Amino acid sequence: MILVDTSVFVDYFRGTSTPAVDVLKQLVADDADIGLSPYVYQELLQGARDELEFARMKRVLITQEFLWLPQTVKTFEKAGRLYFDLRRAGVTVRSTIDVLIALTAMEHQVPLLHSDRDFDHITAAVEGLQIYPV
């Protein structure tokens, strides 16, 4: 299972060629298990340019396996701790959602495929986040 970040899917749906998109295309061709965070799902849908794109993305994405974080106080405490630890290490993540996506990958012990420098900063500062090689 590979968790794919919003940054890769945005380029994929736009038809932009990037190394991460090439990896995603190969994963799809190989019928690999691709995981989706509900946070990525929301980010992608809210960024749709029109009804047609919204429906197209929904149709493709809903077929993926969703990796959920438990909706408990403990989960959000872990996310808060992760953000706090990153800040203390000199890393400011630009998006709270990115922290939740990173935590999803960490909790499920799956690598994350991304094109977002925040995740590189996270892996440099804390242990536990595996990055899928591009």
Protein backbone atom coordinates (compact mmCIF):
# COMPACT_ATOMS: atom_id res chain seq x y z
CA MET A 1 0.00 0.00 0.00
CA ILE A 2 1.23 3.47 -0.92
CA LEU A 3 -0.46 6.61 0.36
CA VAL A 4 -0.59 9.27 -2.35
CA ASP A 5 -0.63 12.96 -1.44
CA THR A 6 -2.73 15.73 -2.92
CA SER A 7 0.34 17.25 -4.59
CA VAL A 8 0.72 14.20 -6.83
CA PHE A 9 -2.96 13.81 -7.66
CA VAL A 10 -3.29 17.50 -8.61
CA ASP A 11 -0.56 17.13 -11.23
CA TYR A 12 -1.97 13.76 -12.31
CA PHE A 13 -5.47 15.16 -12.94
CA ARG A 14 -4.05 18.23 -14.71
CA GLY A 15 -1.96 16.05 -17.01
CA THR A 16 1.27 17.56 -15.74
CA SER A 17 4.30 15.33 -16.13
CA THR A 18 6.41 15.13 -12.98
CA PRO A 19 8.59 12.35 -11.57
CA ALA A 20 5.95 11.63 -8.89
CA VAL A 21 3.16 11.50 -11.50
CA ASP A 22 5.25 9.07 -13.55
CA VAL A 23 5.58 6.87 -10.45
CA LEU A 24 1.82 7.08 -9.83
CA LYS A 25 1.08 6.12 -13.43
CA GLN A 26 3.38 3.11 -13.08
CA LEU A 27 1.72 2.13 -9.81
CA VAL A 28 -1.69 2.31 -11.51
CA ALA A 29 -0.39 0.27 -14.47
CA ASP A 30 1.01 -2.32 -12.04
CA ASP A 31 -2.33 -2.43 -10.19
CA ALA A 32 -0.53 -1.52 -6.96
CA ASP A 33 -2.49 -0.84 -3.79
CA ILE A 34 -2.95 2.93 -3.66
CA GLY A 35 -4.23 4.46 -0.46
CA LEU A 36 -6.09 7.71 -0.09
CA SER A 37 -6.48 9.85 2.98
CA PRO A 38 -9.89 11.44 3.48
CA TYR A 39 -7.99 14.73 3.85
CA VAL A 40 -6.50 14.30 0.36
CA TYR A 41 -9.95 13.41 -0.97
CA GLN A 42 -11.39 16.62 0.46
CA GLU A 43 -8.51 18.79 -0.78
CA LEU A 44 -8.86 17.44 -4.30
CA LEU A 45 -12.62 17.82 -4.49
CA GLN A 46 -12.60 21.33 -3.05
CA GLY A 47 -10.05 22.32 -5.70
CA ALA A 48 -12.19 21.19 -8.64
CA ARG A 49 -12.58 23.86 -11.29
CA ASP A 50 -16.11 22.92 -12.29
CA GLU A 51 -18.87 20.32 -11.85
CA LEU A 52 -17.43 18.05 -14.54
CA GLU A 53 -14.00 17.94 -12.92
CA PHE A 54 -15.55 17.42 -9.48
CA ALA A 55 -17.55 14.43 -10.77
CA ARG A 56 -14.57 12.99 -12.66
CA MET A 57 -12.25 13.17 -9.66
CA LYS A 58 -14.90 11.74 -7.36
CA ARG A 59 -15.51 8.83 -9.74
CA VAL A 60 -11.78 7.97 -9.86
CA LEU A 61 -10.91 8.61 -6.22
CA ILE A 62 -13.83 6.87 -4.55
CA THR A 63 -12.52 3.55 -5.90
CA GLN A 64 -9.30 3.84 -3.88
CA GLU A 65 -8.81 2.36 -0.44
CA PHE A 66 -9.20 5.01 2.25
CA LEU A 67 -6.76 5.04 5.15
CA TRP A 68 -8.49 6.51 8.17
CA LEU A 69 -7.20 7.99 11.37
CA PRO A 70 -9.38 7.22 14.37
CA GLN A 71 -11.52 10.24 15.22
CA THR A 72 -10.38 10.34 18.83
CA VAL A 73 -8.82 12.94 21.05
CA LYS A 74 -5.65 10.82 21.11
CA THR A 75 -5.28 11.08 17.31
CA PHE A 76 -5.43 14.86 17.34
CA GLU A 77 -3.11 14.94 20.34
CA LYS A 78 -0.61 12.94 18.24
CA ALA A 79 -1.04 15.38 15.35
CA GLY A 80 -0.56 18.32 17.69
CA ARG A 81 2.54 16.67 19.15
CA LEU A 82 3.94 16.04 15.67
CA TYR A 83 3.45 19.69 14.68
CA PHE A 84 4.87 20.85 18.02
CA ASP A 85 7.94 18.60 17.67
CA LEU A 86 8.50 19.83 14.13
CA ARG A 87 8.35 23.47 15.23
CA ARG A 88 10.83 22.76 18.02
CA ALA A 89 13.11 21.19 15.39
CA GLY A 90 12.90 24.39 13.33
CA VAL A 91 10.38 23.07 10.79
CA THR A 92 7.15 24.95 10.19
CA VAL A 93 4.73 22.90 8.13
CA ARG A 94 2.55 25.16 5.99
CA SER A 95 -0.60 23.09 6.37
CA THR A 96 -2.24 21.34 9.30
CA ILE A 97 -3.69 18.94 6.74
CA ASP A 98 -0.17 17.91 5.73
CA VAL A 99 0.50 16.95 9.35
CA LEU A 100 -2.64 14.79 9.33
CA ILE A 101 -1.63 13.18 6.03
CA ALA A 102 1.86 12.46 7.41
CA LEU A 103 0.33 11.03 10.57
CA THR A 104 -1.94 8.82 8.46
CA ALA A 105 1.07 7.35 6.66
CA MET A 106 2.91 6.91 9.94
CA GLU A 107 0.01 5.26 11.75
CA HIS A 108 -0.66 2.86 8.88
CA GLN A 109 3.08 2.29 8.36
CA VAL A 110 2.89 2.93 4.64
CA PRO A 111 5.14 5.06 2.43
CA LEU A 112 3.91 8.41 1.16
CA LEU A 113 4.24 9.44 -2.49
CA HIS A 114 4.34 13.22 -2.68
CA SER A 115 5.59 16.33 -4.49
CA ASP A 116 5.42 18.64 -1.47
CA ARG A 117 8.58 19.87 0.25
CA ASP A 118 6.80 19.94 3.63
CA PHE A 119 6.97 16.14 3.74
CA ASP A 120 10.71 16.21 3.04
CA HIS A 121 11.12 18.61 5.96
CA ILE A 122 9.02 16.34 8.17
CA THR A 123 11.12 13.26 7.39
CA ALA A 124 14.31 15.22 8.02
CA ALA A 125 13.08 16.34 11.45
CA VAL A 126 11.23 13.34 12.91
CA GLU A 127 11.35 9.58 12.58
CA GLY A 128 8.55 7.39 11.31
CA LEU A 129 7.44 8.92 8.01
CA GLN A 130 8.46 6.74 5.07
CA ILE A 131 8.71 8.44 1.68
CA TYR A 132 8.03 6.43 -1.48
CA PRO A 133 11.06 6.85 -3.77
CA VAL A 134 10.64 8.98 -6.89
